[in-house]
Structures are given as structure tokens and as C-alpha cells.
């Protein structure tokens, strides 16, 4: 913005500025203290676009030669019309601008989707029925549930030492059902919190059909690896919990978010670090911390492979 001139008369200043506006020259006017010999303040005219300064100077010379010319008085009416039109255009622009509202990340908040909710309720129900893995002598229903839903009928396993004994008898549901059983209230609580978060996200992103496939395949990958691996390689058929499936969901979402950064969600680096620490702690600690380490690894690998397959 560059200073053009000072005009002592307010009406003349208004007429000149209006005339410049009709020429497309935008100005800024400031009231200044009266100059020597004047009572009224003077008006300082500034040109906003410095590239138009030479043209404004030429118009100023014409104005000073005849400030009362009709074209300057007529310019006031025209300038008012220009200003009014600009105001109307600005209002229209503001109407056309869509206000951006904060939206939660995909899958976060809101009602729990149906399949995830059903899984949570099933796990809680079986937790109560089986007394969280510590079935009392009088609890026949709980005892039957533990016997029929574990990876293997444990009495037959002790007898045959074959972890696949029950599956070989056609009891294929056992590949999935250990996920519904939990060994303690804390075990159940931690798994339900994780399932509510990752399950909600996956179900909303992929839909119930694809989500169901991810759940089933993750459970199969987790439970078969855990149940069939030798005990010296962290395997055992005597395990419970849905954590292998939860790790499968994490693996799936992690791969999808890396291959498709525009998918609407991502995991912060801390999530990968914590997951890696959980796996390492289980495999490196004495007794594996009592966790189904191969189920965690199997579920994670299965979910990651599914994420890779469906993200191509």
C-alpha cells in the first residue's frame, strides 16, 4: 500500500476515491490532523495495489485540475452500486462455503455394531457360566461348557497326548470356541476393551460379512497354531481367550492402514511398540507369562496376511 495524496475537503476526497473505485483502483482513506491554516482535518488517500499507483497519479492530476467536474460527482453513485454488489457477492460466497465440522475418526464412538456387540455379550455370558475358568463342583453347566468348548477334551488329551484328538472326532467347532472362554475377570476385561475398540473399527470399515470372515480366519490361525504346536515351542491345547483374534484384527488394520493411508484411520507408533513388547515379553519370559503366545503370533500373522490380500 502506497500513499497517493492528502485532500483537505472531505466531499472532494469522497468523490475522488469513488472515481478511483469505478476505475478498479482500490484505496484506503485515513483522517489526518488539520494542516496549517485549516480547521477541518485532511484526508490521506492510500493505494492498496502499488502496481496501480502510476495510473492513480495520472487520475489525481486530472482531478486536481478540475475537482468539481461532473464525472467525480457521478462516480459517487456508481461507486455505491459497486460496493453493494461486492457485499452481495461476499454474502453469496459465505453461503457457498461449507462449514467444516469435527468428525470422529472412522469407527470411533457411537453405538457398538451388532457382531462386535454379540461377541462381547457371548464372552461375558460364557465367563459367568464357567465362573471365568474356575468352575465350582456344583456348576454342571459351566463344567460342560469348559469341556466342550476348549480346543480339546482335556481328559482325552491327558490320555492320548494328541492335541488334535477332539477335532479328529469331528468336533471342529473347537477351532473357534476357545475364544469365548476366559481365565479370570481381568483377562476378560482386557480382551473386551481391545475387542470393543478394534472390532468396532473393523466392522464399520469392512462391513459385517467381511468382518465375520476376518474373525473366523484369525481365530483359526491363532488357535490351530497354539493348540497344535509342541509344548517346547510355546504350544498347548489348554488355552482360552479371544486375544489371538484381537491380534488378528490389529494385524489386519495395521497392514490396511499402511497400504492405504487414505483409509481414514491409522495406528500411532506407540501401538506397534506396545504390541511388539507384548509378543516379546511372552516369548522371552520364563513360562511365557501364562499367555497363549502362539495364538497371539498366529492371529497377528493371519490378520496381516488378510490385510495384505484384501488391500492389493
C-alpha atoms as a PDB file:
ATOM      1  CA  UNK A   1       0.000   0.000   0.000  1.00  0.00           C
ATOM      2  CA  UNK A   2       1.422   3.375  -1.065  1.00  0.00           C
ATOM      3  CA  UNK A   3       0.454   6.931  -0.120  1.00  0.00           C
ATOM      4  CA  UNK A   4      -1.007   8.929  -3.014  1.00  0.00           C
ATOM      5  CA  UNK A   5      -2.104  12.347  -1.707  1.00  0.00           C
ATOM      6  CA  UNK A   6      -3.829  14.361   1.034  1.00  0.00           C
ATOM      7  CA  UNK A   7      -7.092  16.157   0.277  1.00  0.00           C
ATOM      8  CA  UNK A   8      -8.420  18.862   2.594  1.00  0.00           C
ATOM      9  CA  UNK A   9     -12.093  18.604   1.634  1.00  0.00           C
ATOM     10  CA  UNK A  10     -13.998  15.523   2.728  1.00  0.00           C
ATOM     11  CA  UNK A  11     -16.585  15.742  -0.137  1.00  0.00           C
ATOM     12  CA  UNK A  12     -13.772  16.047  -2.655  1.00  0.00           C
ATOM     13  CA  UNK A  13     -11.877  13.172  -1.076  1.00  0.00           C
ATOM     14  CA  UNK A  14     -15.021  11.009  -1.243  1.00  0.00           C
ATOM     15  CA  UNK A  15     -15.643  11.960  -4.870  1.00  0.00           C
ATOM     16  CA  UNK A  16     -12.061  11.236  -5.916  1.00  0.00           C
ATOM     17  CA  UNK A  17     -11.903   7.902  -4.068  1.00  0.00           C
ATOM     18  CA  UNK A  18     -15.258   6.926  -5.584  1.00  0.00           C
ATOM     19  CA  UNK A  19     -13.968   7.766  -9.045  1.00  0.00           C
ATOM     20  CA  UNK A  20     -10.847   5.657  -8.500  1.00  0.00           C
ATOM     21  CA  UNK A  21     -13.076   2.735  -7.444  1.00  0.00           C
ATOM     22  CA  UNK A  22     -15.002   2.968 -10.736  1.00  0.00           C
ATOM     23  CA  UNK A  23     -11.616   2.544 -12.432  1.00  0.00           C
ATOM     24  CA  UNK A  24     -10.945  -0.580 -10.390  1.00  0.00           C
ATOM     25  CA  UNK A  25      -8.376   1.115  -8.155  1.00  0.00           C
ATOM     26  CA  UNK A  26      -8.881   0.158  -4.503  1.00  0.00           C
ATOM     27  CA  UNK A  27      -7.974   2.749  -1.880  1.00  0.00           C
ATOM     28  CA  UNK A  28      -7.652   3.241   1.852  1.00  0.00           C
ATOM     29  CA  UNK A  29      -8.545   6.619   3.375  1.00  0.00           C
ATOM     30  CA  UNK A  30      -7.426   7.930   6.762  1.00  0.00           C
ATOM     31  CA  UNK A  31      -8.376  11.083   8.615  1.00  0.00           C
ATOM     32  CA  UNK A  32      -5.358  13.249   9.430  1.00  0.00           C
ATOM     33  CA  UNK A  33      -4.879  16.282  11.683  1.00  0.00           C
ATOM     34  CA  UNK A  34      -5.770  19.625  10.064  1.00  0.00           C
ATOM     35  CA  UNK A  35      -2.949  21.082   8.030  1.00  0.00           C
ATOM     36  CA  UNK A  36      -1.641  24.568   8.715  1.00  0.00           C
ATOM     37  CA  UNK A  37      -4.326  27.207   8.138  1.00  0.00           C
ATOM     38  CA  UNK A  38      -7.203  24.678   8.084  1.00  0.00           C
ATOM     39  CA  UNK A  39      -9.825  23.896  10.699  1.00  0.00           C
ATOM     40  CA  UNK A  40     -11.132  20.664   9.169  1.00  0.00           C
ATOM     41  CA  UNK A  41      -9.000  17.510   9.095  1.00  0.00           C
ATOM     42  CA  UNK A  42      -7.383  16.452   5.843  1.00  0.00           C
ATOM     43  CA  UNK A  43      -7.913  13.056   4.221  1.00  0.00           C
ATOM     44  CA  UNK A  44      -4.978  10.860   3.362  1.00  0.00           C
ATOM     45  CA  UNK A  45      -5.506   8.615   0.317  1.00  0.00           C
ATOM     46  CA  UNK A  46      -3.535   5.358   0.001  1.00  0.00           C
ATOM     47  CA  UNK A  47      -3.451   3.000  -2.976  1.00  0.00           C
ATOM     48  CA  UNK A  48      -3.762  -0.664  -1.979  1.00  0.00           C
ATOM     49  CA  UNK A  49      -2.279  -2.125  -5.168  1.00  0.00           C
ATOM     50  CA  UNK A  50       1.102  -0.491  -5.711  1.00  0.00           C
ATOM     51  CA  UNK A  51       1.084  -1.517  -9.380  1.00  0.00           C
ATOM     52  CA  UNK A  52      -1.849   0.864  -9.916  1.00  0.00           C
ATOM     53  CA  UNK A  53      -0.006   3.823  -8.379  1.00  0.00           C
ATOM     54  CA  UNK A  54       1.129   5.389 -11.702  1.00  0.00           C
ATOM     55  CA  UNK A  55      -2.411   5.261 -13.060  1.00  0.00           C
ATOM     56  CA  UNK A  56      -3.757   6.721  -9.809  1.00  0.00           C
ATOM     57  CA  UNK A  57      -1.238   9.557 -10.070  1.00  0.00           C
ATOM     58  CA  UNK A  58      -2.473  10.419 -13.565  1.00  0.00           C
ATOM     59  CA  UNK A  59      -6.073  10.427 -12.343  1.00  0.00           C
ATOM     60  CA  UNK A  60      -5.005  12.625  -9.430  1.00  0.00           C
ATOM     61  CA  UNK A  61      -3.541  15.244 -11.778  1.00  0.00           C
ATOM     62  CA  UNK A  62      -6.800  15.301 -13.757  1.00  0.00           C
ATOM     63  CA  UNK A  63      -8.772  15.608 -10.513  1.00  0.00           C
ATOM     64  CA  UNK A  64      -6.641  18.472  -9.175  1.00  0.00           C
ATOM     65  CA  UNK A  65      -7.117  20.337 -12.481  1.00  0.00           C
ATOM     66  CA  UNK A  66     -10.919  20.239 -12.109  1.00  0.00           C
ATOM     67  CA  UNK A  67     -12.101  18.670  -8.795  1.00  0.00           C
ATOM     68  CA  UNK A  68     -15.697  19.797  -9.347  1.00  0.00           C
ATOM     69  CA  UNK A  69     -16.137  18.053 -12.693  1.00  0.00           C
ATOM     70  CA  UNK A  70     -19.412  16.205 -13.078  1.00  0.00           C
ATOM     71  CA  UNK A  71     -17.668  12.846 -13.568  1.00  0.00           C
ATOM     72  CA  UNK A  72     -16.452  12.902  -9.948  1.00  0.00           C
ATOM     73  CA  UNK A  73     -19.895  13.648  -8.502  1.00  0.00           C
ATOM     74  CA  UNK A  74     -21.452  10.946 -10.701  1.00  0.00           C
ATOM     75  CA  UNK A  75     -18.810   8.471  -9.567  1.00  0.00           C
ATOM     76  CA  UNK A  76     -20.198   8.502  -6.001  1.00  0.00           C
ATOM     77  CA  UNK A  77     -23.466   6.869  -7.120  1.00  0.00           C
ATOM     78  CA  UNK A  78     -21.642   4.360  -9.303  1.00  0.00           C
ATOM     79  CA  UNK A  79     -19.190   3.505  -6.507  1.00  0.00           C
ATOM     80  CA  UNK A  80     -22.048   2.848  -4.080  1.00  0.00           C
ATOM     81  CA  UNK A  81     -23.518   0.404  -6.586  1.00  0.00           C
ATOM     82  CA  UNK A  82     -20.139  -1.339  -6.933  1.00  0.00           C
ATOM     83  CA  UNK A  83     -19.777  -1.640  -3.152  1.00  0.00           C
ATOM     84  CA  UNK A  84     -23.326  -3.005  -2.807  1.00  0.00           C
ATOM     85  CA  UNK A  85     -22.719  -5.634  -5.478  1.00  0.00           C
ATOM     86  CA  UNK A  86     -19.469  -6.659  -3.804  1.00  0.00           C
ATOM     87  CA  UNK A  87     -21.262  -7.074  -0.482  1.00  0.00           C
ATOM     88  CA  UNK A  88     -23.899  -9.260  -2.121  1.00  0.00           C
ATOM     89  CA  UNK A  89     -21.212 -11.371  -3.785  1.00  0.00           C
ATOM     90  CA  UNK A  90     -19.431 -11.776  -0.448  1.00  0.00           C
ATOM     91  CA  UNK A  91     -22.630 -12.946   1.221  1.00  0.00           C
ATOM     92  CA  UNK A  92     -23.131 -15.479  -1.568  1.00  0.00           C
ATOM     93  CA  UNK A  93     -19.565 -16.745  -1.144  1.00  0.00           C
ATOM     94  CA  UNK A  94     -20.139 -17.196   2.575  1.00  0.00           C
ATOM     95  CA  UNK A  95     -23.294 -19.207   1.884  1.00  0.00           C
ATOM     96  CA  UNK A  96     -21.404 -21.440  -0.530  1.00  0.00           C
ATOM     97  CA  UNK A  97     -18.659 -22.177   1.976  1.00  0.00           C
ATOM     98  CA  UNK A  98     -19.448 -25.395   3.831  1.00  0.00           C
ATOM     99  CA  UNK A  99     -18.643 -25.215   7.479  1.00  0.00           C
ATOM    100  CA  UNK A 100     -16.247 -27.987   8.420  1.00  0.00           C
ATOM    101  CA  UNK A 101     -17.361 -29.876  11.475  1.00  0.00           C
ATOM    102  CA  UNK A 102     -15.119 -32.106  13.516  1.00  0.00           C
ATOM    103  CA  UNK A 103     -15.744 -35.737  12.818  1.00  0.00           C
ATOM    104  CA  UNK A 104     -14.518 -38.645  14.859  1.00  0.00           C
ATOM    105  CA  UNK A 105     -12.120 -40.973  13.120  1.00  0.00           C
ATOM    106  CA  UNK A 106     -13.748 -43.838  11.275  1.00  0.00           C
ATOM    107  CA  UNK A 107     -15.193 -46.409  13.633  1.00  0.00           C
ATOM    108  CA  UNK A 108     -14.685 -44.390  16.814  1.00  0.00           C
ATOM    109  CA  UNK A 109     -17.638 -43.663  19.115  1.00  0.00           C
ATOM    110  CA  UNK A 110     -21.324 -44.256  18.570  1.00  0.00           C
ATOM    111  CA  UNK A 111     -23.259 -47.470  19.063  1.00  0.00           C
ATOM    112  CA  UNK A 112     -21.450 -50.775  19.132  1.00  0.00           C
ATOM    113  CA  UNK A 113     -22.013 -52.565  15.791  1.00  0.00           C
ATOM    114  CA  UNK A 114     -24.028 -55.807  16.022  1.00  0.00           C
ATOM    115  CA  UNK A 115     -21.429 -58.549  15.521  1.00  0.00           C
ATOM    116  CA  UNK A 116     -18.894 -56.992  17.868  1.00  0.00           C
ATOM    117  CA  UNK A 117     -21.607 -56.469  20.465  1.00  0.00           C
ATOM    118  CA  UNK A 118     -22.739 -60.089  20.083  1.00  0.00           C
ATOM    119  CA  UNK A 119     -19.172 -61.337  20.595  1.00  0.00           C
ATOM    120  CA  UNK A 120     -18.734 -59.241  23.723  1.00  0.00           C
ATOM    121  CA  UNK A 121     -22.029 -60.484  25.172  1.00  0.00           C
ATOM    122  CA  UNK A 122     -21.129 -64.103  24.361  1.00  0.00           C
ATOM    123  CA  UNK A 123     -17.749 -63.807  26.053  1.00  0.00           C
ATOM    124  CA  UNK A 124     -19.323 -62.232  29.142  1.00  0.00           C
ATOM    125  CA  UNK A 125     -22.070 -64.870  29.243  1.00  0.00           C
ATOM    126  CA  UNK A 126     -19.630 -67.780  28.982  1.00  0.00           C
ATOM    127  CA  UNK A 127     -17.378 -66.058  31.502  1.00  0.00           C
ATOM    128  CA  UNK A 128     -20.224 -66.025  34.010  1.00  0.00           C
ATOM    129  CA  UNK A 129     -21.328 -69.567  33.179  1.00  0.00           C
ATOM    130  CA  UNK A 130     -17.822 -71.002  33.591  1.00  0.00           C
ATOM    131  CA  UNK A 131     -17.005 -68.765  36.554  1.00  0.00           C
ATOM    132  CA  UNK A 132     -14.150 -67.337  34.497  1.00  0.00           C
ATOM    133  CA  UNK A 133     -12.407 -70.682  34.150  1.00  0.00           C
ATOM    134  CA  UNK A 134     -12.634 -71.730  37.794  1.00  0.00           C
ATOM    135  CA  UNK A 135     -15.713 -73.934  37.712  1.00  0.00           C
ATOM    136  CA  UNK A 136     -17.004 -74.991  41.119  1.00  0.00           C
ATOM    137  CA  UNK A 137     -18.031 -78.593  41.790  1.00  0.00           C
ATOM    138  CA  UNK A 138     -21.763 -77.920  41.644  1.00  0.00           C
ATOM    139  CA  UNK A 139     -21.665 -75.968  38.382  1.00  0.00           C
ATOM    140  CA  UNK A 140     -22.528 -78.693  35.870  1.00  0.00           C
ATOM    141  CA  UNK A 141     -23.364 -76.291  33.027  1.00  0.00           C
ATOM    142  CA  UNK A 142     -20.053 -74.492  33.484  1.00  0.00           C
ATOM    143  CA  UNK A 143     -18.174 -77.798  33.538  1.00  0.00           C
ATOM    144  CA  UNK A 144     -19.866 -78.932  30.306  1.00  0.00           C
ATOM    145  CA  UNK A 145     -19.063 -75.609  28.637  1.00  0.00           C
ATOM    146  CA  UNK A 146     -15.384 -75.870  29.568  1.00  0.00           C
ATOM    147  CA  UNK A 147     -15.242 -79.499  28.430  1.00  0.00           C
ATOM    148  CA  UNK A 148     -16.984 -78.908  25.085  1.00  0.00           C
ATOM    149  CA  UNK A 149     -15.636 -75.501  24.079  1.00  0.00           C
ATOM    150  CA  UNK A 150     -11.923 -75.869  24.732  1.00  0.00           C
ATOM    151  CA  UNK A 151      -9.602 -76.789  21.881  1.00  0.00           C
ATOM    152  CA  UNK A 152      -9.527 -80.390  23.090  1.00  0.00           C
ATOM    153  CA  UNK A 153     -11.336 -82.504  25.630  1.00  0.00           C
ATOM    154  CA  UNK A 154      -8.608 -82.246  28.205  1.00  0.00           C
ATOM    155  CA  UNK A 155      -9.275 -85.689  29.732  1.00  0.00           C
ATOM    156  CA  UNK A 156      -8.788 -87.260  26.301  1.00  0.00           C
ATOM    157  CA  UNK A 157      -5.667 -85.187  25.733  1.00  0.00           C
ATOM    158  CA  UNK A 158      -4.153 -86.462  29.010  1.00  0.00           C
ATOM    159  CA  UNK A 159      -4.979 -89.974  27.886  1.00  0.00           C
ATOM    160  CA  UNK A 160      -3.797 -89.761  24.258  1.00  0.00           C
ATOM    161  CA  UNK A 161      -1.380 -86.791  24.304  1.00  0.00           C
ATOM    162  CA  UNK A 162      -2.921 -85.847  20.980  1.00  0.00           C
ATOM    163  CA  UNK A 163      -3.883 -82.140  20.945  1.00  0.00           C
ATOM    164  CA  UNK A 164      -5.992 -82.695  17.826  1.00  0.00           C
ATOM    165  CA  UNK A 165      -7.925 -85.633  19.264  1.00  0.00           C
ATOM    166  CA  UNK A 166     -11.284 -83.848  19.583  1.00  0.00           C
ATOM    167  CA  UNK A 167     -11.022 -82.200  16.166  1.00  0.00           C
ATOM    168  CA  UNK A 168     -10.302 -85.589  14.618  1.00  0.00           C
ATOM    169  CA  UNK A 169     -13.570 -86.783  16.162  1.00  0.00           C
ATOM    170  CA  UNK A 170     -15.410 -84.202  14.065  1.00  0.00           C
ATOM    171  CA  UNK A 171     -15.702 -81.557  16.822  1.00  0.00           C
ATOM    172  CA  UNK A 172     -14.472 -78.805  14.514  1.00  0.00           C
ATOM    173  CA  UNK A 173     -16.189 -76.039  16.487  1.00  0.00           C
ATOM    174  CA  UNK A 174     -13.328 -76.333  18.961  1.00  0.00           C
ATOM    175  CA  UNK A 175     -11.096 -74.479  16.487  1.00  0.00           C
ATOM    176  CA  UNK A 176     -13.198 -71.349  17.202  1.00  0.00           C
ATOM    177  CA  UNK A 177     -14.834 -71.699  20.613  1.00  0.00           C
ATOM    178  CA  UNK A 178     -11.813 -71.246  22.938  1.00  0.00           C
ATOM    179  CA  UNK A 179     -12.211 -67.540  22.144  1.00  0.00           C
ATOM    180  CA  UNK A 180     -15.421 -67.443  24.215  1.00  0.00           C
ATOM    181  CA  UNK A 181     -13.727 -68.712  27.382  1.00  0.00           C
ATOM    182  CA  UNK A 182     -11.549 -66.640  29.713  1.00  0.00           C
ATOM    183  CA  UNK A 183      -9.375 -67.345  32.706  1.00  0.00           C
ATOM    184  CA  UNK A 184     -10.283 -64.629  35.175  1.00  0.00           C
ATOM    185  CA  UNK A 185     -12.156 -61.341  35.256  1.00  0.00           C
ATOM    186  CA  UNK A 186      -9.082 -59.247  34.385  1.00  0.00           C
ATOM    187  CA  UNK A 187      -8.356 -61.470  31.386  1.00  0.00           C
ATOM    188  CA  UNK A 188     -11.923 -60.981  30.174  1.00  0.00           C
ATOM    189  CA  UNK A 189     -11.940 -57.244  30.854  1.00  0.00           C
ATOM    190  CA  UNK A 190      -8.726 -56.536  28.936  1.00  0.00           C
ATOM    191  CA  UNK A 191      -9.833 -58.619  25.978  1.00  0.00           C
ATOM    192  CA  UNK A 192     -13.274 -56.988  25.860  1.00  0.00           C
ATOM    193  CA  UNK A 193     -11.784 -53.498  25.882  1.00  0.00           C
ATOM    194  CA  UNK A 194      -9.489 -54.441  22.996  1.00  0.00           C
ATOM    195  CA  UNK A 195     -12.282 -56.174  21.079  1.00  0.00           C
ATOM    196  CA  UNK A 196     -14.645 -53.230  21.553  1.00  0.00           C
ATOM    197  CA  UNK A 197     -12.061 -50.890  20.033  1.00  0.00           C
ATOM    198  CA  UNK A 198     -10.598 -52.949  17.182  1.00  0.00           C
ATOM    199  CA  UNK A 199     -13.771 -54.890  16.463  1.00  0.00           C
ATOM    200  CA  UNK A 200     -15.912 -51.762  16.230  1.00  0.00           C
ATOM    201  CA  UNK A 201     -13.426 -50.209  13.818  1.00  0.00           C
ATOM    202  CA  UNK A 202     -13.079 -53.287  11.608  1.00  0.00           C
ATOM    203  CA  UNK A 203     -16.819 -53.967  11.437  1.00  0.00           C
ATOM    204  CA  UNK A 204     -17.598 -50.400  10.418  1.00  0.00           C
ATOM    205  CA  UNK A 205     -14.787 -50.187   7.884  1.00  0.00           C
ATOM    206  CA  UNK A 206     -15.320 -53.580   6.223  1.00  0.00           C
ATOM    207  CA  UNK A 207     -18.958 -54.411   6.911  1.00  0.00           C
ATOM    208  CA  UNK A 208     -20.344 -57.330   8.861  1.00  0.00           C
ATOM    209  CA  UNK A 209     -19.738 -60.009   6.209  1.00  0.00           C
ATOM    210  CA  UNK A 210     -16.060 -59.337   5.630  1.00  0.00           C
ATOM    211  CA  UNK A 211     -15.563 -58.717   9.327  1.00  0.00           C
ATOM    212  CA  UNK A 212     -17.011 -62.148  10.134  1.00  0.00           C
ATOM    213  CA  UNK A 213     -14.527 -63.770   7.739  1.00  0.00           C
ATOM    214  CA  UNK A 214     -11.627 -61.913   9.356  1.00  0.00           C
ATOM    215  CA  UNK A 215     -12.782 -63.058  12.790  1.00  0.00           C
ATOM    216  CA  UNK A 216     -13.150 -66.699  11.768  1.00  0.00           C
ATOM    217  CA  UNK A 217      -9.853 -66.945   9.909  1.00  0.00           C
ATOM    218  CA  UNK A 218      -7.980 -65.088  12.655  1.00  0.00           C
ATOM    219  CA  UNK A 219      -9.441 -67.483  15.241  1.00  0.00           C
ATOM    220  CA  UNK A 220      -8.454 -70.479  13.146  1.00  0.00           C
ATOM    221  CA  UNK A 221      -4.922 -69.210  12.560  1.00  0.00           C
ATOM    222  CA  UNK A 222      -4.470 -68.352  16.227  1.00  0.00           C
ATOM    223  CA  UNK A 223      -5.997 -71.465  17.776  1.00  0.00           C
ATOM    224  CA  UNK A 224      -4.565 -74.075  15.407  1.00  0.00           C
ATOM    225  CA  UNK A 225      -1.056 -72.744  15.889  1.00  0.00           C
ATOM    226  CA  UNK A 226      -1.458 -72.533  19.660  1.00  0.00           C
ATOM    227  CA  UNK A 227      -3.143 -75.897  20.017  1.00  0.00           C
ATOM    228  CA  UNK A 228      -1.009 -77.989  17.676  1.00  0.00           C
ATOM    229  CA  UNK A 229       2.490 -76.635  18.304  1.00  0.00           C
ATOM    230  CA  UNK A 230       4.705 -78.724  20.635  1.00  0.00           C
ATOM    231  CA  UNK A 231       4.920 -77.583  24.239  1.00  0.00           C
ATOM    232  CA  UNK A 232       8.638 -76.838  23.876  1.00  0.00           C
ATOM    233  CA  UNK A 233       7.665 -74.266  21.228  1.00  0.00           C
ATOM    234  CA  UNK A 234       5.091 -72.495  23.406  1.00  0.00           C
ATOM    235  CA  UNK A 235       2.219 -74.646  22.189  1.00  0.00           C
ATOM    236  CA  UNK A 236      -0.552 -76.173  24.319  1.00  0.00           C
ATOM    237  CA  UNK A 237      -4.163 -77.135  23.640  1.00  0.00           C
ATOM    238  CA  UNK A 238      -5.110 -75.994  27.128  1.00  0.00           C
ATOM    239  CA  UNK A 239      -5.746 -72.294  26.422  1.00  0.00           C
ATOM    240  CA  UNK A 240      -8.647 -69.834  26.482  1.00  0.00           C
ATOM    241  CA  UNK A 241      -9.318 -66.258  25.405  1.00  0.00           C
ATOM    242  CA  UNK A 242     -10.079 -64.110  22.385  1.00  0.00           C
ATOM    243  CA  UNK A 243      -6.739 -62.288  22.408  1.00  0.00           C
ATOM    244  CA  UNK A 244      -5.491 -64.204  19.338  1.00  0.00           C
ATOM    245  CA  UNK A 245      -8.484 -62.897  17.394  1.00  0.00           C
ATOM    246  CA  UNK A 246      -7.881 -59.376  18.711  1.00  0.00           C
ATOM    247  CA  UNK A 247      -4.272 -59.578  17.497  1.00  0.00           C
ATOM    248  CA  UNK A 248      -5.648 -60.721  14.149  1.00  0.00           C
ATOM    249  CA  UNK A 249      -7.770 -57.569  13.932  1.00  0.00           C
ATOM    250  CA  UNK A 250      -4.752 -55.462  14.847  1.00  0.00           C
ATOM    251  CA  UNK A 251      -2.653 -57.134  12.145  1.00  0.00           C
ATOM    252  CA  UNK A 252      -5.354 -56.633   9.548  1.00  0.00           C
ATOM    253  CA  UNK A 253      -5.923 -52.965  10.340  1.00  0.00           C
ATOM    254  CA  UNK A 254      -2.209 -52.216  10.623  1.00  0.00           C
ATOM    255  CA  UNK A 255      -1.454 -53.583   7.153  1.00  0.00           C
ATOM    256  CA  UNK A 256      -4.513 -51.907   5.612  1.00  0.00           C
ATOM    257  CA  UNK A 257      -3.630 -48.513   7.075  1.00  0.00           C
ATOM    258  CA  UNK A 258      -0.052 -48.775   5.816  1.00  0.00           C
ATOM    259  CA  UNK A 259      -1.021 -49.809   2.292  1.00  0.00           C
ATOM    260  CA  UNK A 260      -3.937 -47.369   2.087  1.00  0.00           C
ATOM    261  CA  UNK A 261      -3.071 -44.217   4.099  1.00  0.00           C
ATOM    262  CA  UNK A 262      -6.329 -42.624   2.903  1.00  0.00           C
ATOM    263  CA  UNK A 263      -8.498 -45.304   4.584  1.00  0.00           C
ATOM    264  CA  UNK A 264      -9.492 -42.940   7.412  1.00  0.00           C
ATOM    265  CA  UNK A 265      -7.589 -44.397  10.367  1.00  0.00           C
ATOM    266  CA  UNK A 266      -4.072 -45.172  11.480  1.00  0.00           C
ATOM    267  CA  UNK A 267      -2.198 -46.578  14.452  1.00  0.00           C
ATOM    268  CA  UNK A 268       0.320 -44.336  16.216  1.00  0.00           C
ATOM    269  CA  UNK A 269       3.866 -45.707  16.569  1.00  0.00           C
ATOM    270  CA  UNK A 270       3.184 -46.458  20.247  1.00  0.00           C
ATOM    271  CA  UNK A 271       0.619 -49.097  19.241  1.00  0.00           C
ATOM    272  CA  UNK A 272       3.219 -51.039  17.265  1.00  0.00           C
ATOM    273  CA  UNK A 273       5.773 -50.726  20.051  1.00  0.00           C
ATOM    274  CA  UNK A 274       3.360 -51.985  22.712  1.00  0.00           C
ATOM    275  CA  UNK A 275       2.227 -54.899  20.539  1.00  0.00           C
ATOM    276  CA  UNK A 276       5.828 -55.864  19.845  1.00  0.00           C
ATOM    277  CA  UNK A 277       6.691 -55.650  23.537  1.00  0.00           C
ATOM    278  CA  UNK A 278       3.719 -57.868  24.432  1.00  0.00           C
ATOM    279  CA  UNK A 279       4.838 -60.551  21.989  1.00  0.00           C
ATOM    280  CA  UNK A 280       8.486 -60.391  23.047  1.00  0.00           C
ATOM    281  CA  UNK A 281       7.634 -60.490  26.750  1.00  0.00           C
ATOM    282  CA  UNK A 282       5.535 -63.602  26.229  1.00  0.00           C
ATOM    283  CA  UNK A 283       8.151 -65.477  24.229  1.00  0.00           C
ATOM    284  CA  UNK A 284      11.212 -64.435  26.222  1.00  0.00           C
ATOM    285  CA  UNK A 285       9.874 -64.697  29.776  1.00  0.00           C
ATOM    286  CA  UNK A 286      10.006 -67.787  31.967  1.00  0.00           C
ATOM    287  CA  UNK A 287       6.784 -69.722  31.453  1.00  0.00           C
ATOM    288  CA  UNK A 288       5.598 -67.291  28.756  1.00  0.00           C
ATOM    289  CA  UNK A 289       3.764 -65.162  31.331  1.00  0.00           C
ATOM    290  CA  UNK A 290       0.956 -67.708  31.177  1.00  0.00           C
ATOM    291  CA  UNK A 291      -0.150 -66.276  27.824  1.00  0.00           C
ATOM    292  CA  UNK A 292      -1.156 -68.092  24.665  1.00  0.00           C
ATOM    293  CA  UNK A 293       1.881 -66.776  22.825  1.00  0.00           C
ATOM    294  CA  UNK A 294       1.468 -68.857  19.682  1.00  0.00           C
ATOM    295  CA  UNK A 295      -2.188 -67.801  19.480  1.00  0.00           C
ATOM    296  CA  UNK A 296      -1.063 -64.186  19.571  1.00  0.00           C
ATOM    297  CA  UNK A 297       1.505 -64.804  16.861  1.00  0.00           C
ATOM    298  CA  UNK A 298      -0.853 -66.904  14.743  1.00  0.00           C
ATOM    299  CA  UNK A 299      -3.672 -64.386  14.976  1.00  0.00           C
ATOM    300  CA  UNK A 300      -1.410 -61.452  14.179  1.00  0.00           C
ATOM    301  CA  UNK A 301       0.106 -63.217  11.160  1.00  0.00           C
ATOM    302  CA  UNK A 302      -3.294 -64.328   9.853  1.00  0.00           C
ATOM    303  CA  UNK A 303      -4.762 -60.837  10.180  1.00  0.00           C
ATOM    304  CA  UNK A 304      -1.736 -59.267   8.493  1.00  0.00           C
ATOM    305  CA  UNK A 305      -1.957 -61.710   5.571  1.00  0.00           C
ATOM    306  CA  UNK A 306      -5.672 -60.958   5.174  1.00  0.00           C
ATOM    307  CA  UNK A 307      -4.917 -57.233   5.228  1.00  0.00           C
ATOM    308  CA  UNK A 308      -2.293 -57.745   2.532  1.00  0.00           C
ATOM    309  CA  UNK A 309      -4.620 -59.903   0.431  1.00  0.00           C
ATOM    310  CA  UNK A 310      -7.592 -57.526   0.598  1.00  0.00           C
ATOM    311  CA  UNK A 311      -5.534 -54.370   0.171  1.00  0.00           C
ATOM    312  CA  UNK A 312      -3.939 -55.288  -3.149  1.00  0.00           C
END
